Amino acid sequence: MTRKRKHYKFTKRKKSVRGIIALFLSAASAVIFALVVVEAFKVDGNGSVYLGSVGVFSLLLSVASLVLAVLAVKEEDTFKTIPYVGLALSVIMSLLWVAVYVAGFLL
C-alpha cells in the first residue's frame, strides 16, 4: 500500500490587512443597513434625524470600504480572496445605499 505524500507549497504571500479591514467595514455597513431598514419599517418611514445620520455614516463607511478594497486588490504578493470578497460586498453595499437615497429623493 502506497502512502500519498503531502505536498506543501511555501509562499511569501501574506494576508492583506487592507482587504481584511475592507471586508470588516463592508460587513458592518451591511449590518447597519439591515438595522436601519428594519427600524424605518417599524416607524412607517418617519424616522428621526438620528436614523438618517446613521444611514449617511454607513454610506460613507461603504465608500471607505470600497476604496480600501480597491487598494487591497492592487497589492502585490498577497492572497486575493479576502480583498475580492470585500470589494464585492462593498460595491453591493454602496449601490444599495445609493439606491435608497435616490429613491428617497425621487419619492
Protein backbone atom coordinates (compact mmCIF):
# COMPACT_ATOMS: atom_id res chain seq x y z
CA MET A 1 0.00 0.00 0.00
CA THR A 2 1.48 3.27 -1.06
CA ARG A 3 1.13 6.34 1.04
CA LYS A 4 0.22 9.61 -0.50
CA ARG A 5 2.82 12.24 0.01
CA LYS A 6 1.59 15.56 1.22
CA HIS A 7 2.72 18.40 -0.94
CA TYR A 8 3.29 21.68 0.78
CA LYS A 9 3.76 24.86 -1.10
CA PHE A 10 5.58 27.57 0.74
CA THR A 11 4.98 31.08 -0.43
CA LYS A 12 5.98 34.57 0.58
CA ARG A 13 2.48 35.91 0.08
CA LYS A 14 0.68 37.20 3.13
CA LYS A 15 -2.83 38.21 4.08
CA SER A 16 -3.84 41.69 3.03
CA VAL A 17 -4.55 43.85 6.08
CA ARG A 18 -6.36 46.39 3.91
CA GLY A 19 -8.52 43.61 2.49
CA ILE A 20 -9.45 42.36 5.95
CA ILE A 21 -10.32 45.89 7.08
CA ALA A 22 -12.37 46.45 3.90
CA LEU A 23 -14.27 43.22 4.48
CA PHE A 24 -14.95 44.16 8.10
CA LEU A 25 -16.15 47.67 7.16
CA SER A 26 -18.41 46.42 4.40
CA ALA A 27 -19.89 43.77 6.72
CA ALA A 28 -20.51 46.50 9.31
CA SER A 29 -22.22 48.57 6.62
CA ALA A 30 -24.43 45.59 5.74
CA VAL A 31 -25.44 45.10 9.37
CA ILE A 32 -26.20 48.81 9.77
CA PHE A 33 -28.21 48.72 6.54
CA ALA A 34 -30.34 45.88 7.83
CA LEU A 35 -30.90 47.60 11.17
CA VAL A 36 -31.81 50.93 9.56
CA VAL A 37 -34.25 49.31 7.14
CA VAL A 38 -35.94 47.36 9.94
CA GLU A 39 -36.20 50.48 12.09
CA ALA A 40 -37.54 52.53 9.17
CA PHE A 41 -40.28 49.95 8.60
CA LYS A 42 -41.16 50.00 12.30
CA VAL A 43 -41.83 53.74 12.21
CA ASP A 44 -43.54 53.62 8.78
CA GLY A 45 -40.83 55.67 7.08
CA ASN A 46 -40.99 58.55 9.55
CA GLY A 47 -37.57 58.02 11.08
CA SER A 48 -35.75 60.62 13.11
CA VAL A 49 -32.71 62.62 12.14
CA TYR A 50 -30.59 60.10 14.01
CA LEU A 51 -31.76 57.28 11.77
CA GLY A 52 -30.83 59.31 8.70
CA SER A 53 -27.45 60.23 10.10
CA VAL A 54 -26.69 56.56 10.82
CA GLY A 55 -27.57 55.85 7.19
CA VAL A 56 -25.25 58.58 5.91
CA PHE A 57 -22.49 57.28 8.18
CA SER A 58 -22.99 53.78 6.79
CA LEU A 59 -22.89 55.10 3.22
CA LEU A 60 -19.56 56.77 3.96
CA LEU A 61 -18.40 53.55 5.61
CA SER A 62 -19.19 51.55 2.49
CA VAL A 63 -17.41 54.06 0.25
CA ALA A 64 -14.32 53.94 2.50
CA SER A 65 -14.52 50.16 2.36
CA LEU A 66 -14.68 50.33 -1.43
CA VAL A 67 -11.53 52.45 -1.59
CA LEU A 68 -9.67 50.15 0.80
CA ALA A 69 -10.77 47.07 -1.15
CA VAL A 70 -9.53 48.52 -4.44
CA LEU A 71 -6.18 49.33 -2.84
CA ALA A 72 -6.04 45.82 -1.35
CA VAL A 73 -6.70 44.18 -4.72
CA LYS A 74 -3.80 46.15 -6.24
CA GLU A 75 -1.33 44.96 -3.58
CA GLU A 76 1.33 42.55 -4.75
CA ASP A 77 2.34 39.29 -3.04
CA THR A 78 -0.88 38.98 -1.07
CA PHE A 79 -3.69 36.47 -1.12
CA LYS A 80 -6.55 37.89 -3.18
CA THR A 81 -9.60 36.05 -1.85
CA ILE A 82 -10.41 38.33 1.08
CA PRO A 83 -9.86 41.58 -0.87
CA TYR A 84 -12.14 40.40 -3.68
CA VAL A 85 -14.88 39.39 -1.24
CA GLY A 86 -14.50 42.77 0.49
CA LEU A 87 -14.63 44.52 -2.88
CA ALA A 88 -17.78 42.68 -3.94
CA LEU A 89 -19.56 43.32 -0.65
CA SER A 90 -18.56 46.98 -0.57
CA VAL A 91 -19.76 47.52 -4.16
CA ILE A 92 -23.08 45.88 -3.30
CA MET A 93 -23.49 47.97 -0.14
CA SER A 94 -22.53 51.21 -1.88
CA LEU A 95 -25.06 50.53 -4.64
CA LEU A 96 -27.76 49.66 -2.09
CA TRP A 97 -27.19 52.86 -0.11
CA VAL A 98 -27.14 54.99 -3.28
CA ALA A 99 -30.37 53.32 -4.42
CA VAL A 100 -32.00 54.05 -1.06
CA TYR A 101 -31.03 57.71 -1.20
CA VAL A 102 -32.02 58.12 -4.85
CA ALA A 103 -35.40 56.53 -4.10
CA GLY A 104 -35.77 58.86 -1.11
CA PHE A 105 -35.09 61.93 -3.23
CA LEU A 106 -37.39 60.87 -6.04
CA LEU A 107 -40.33 59.75 -3.91
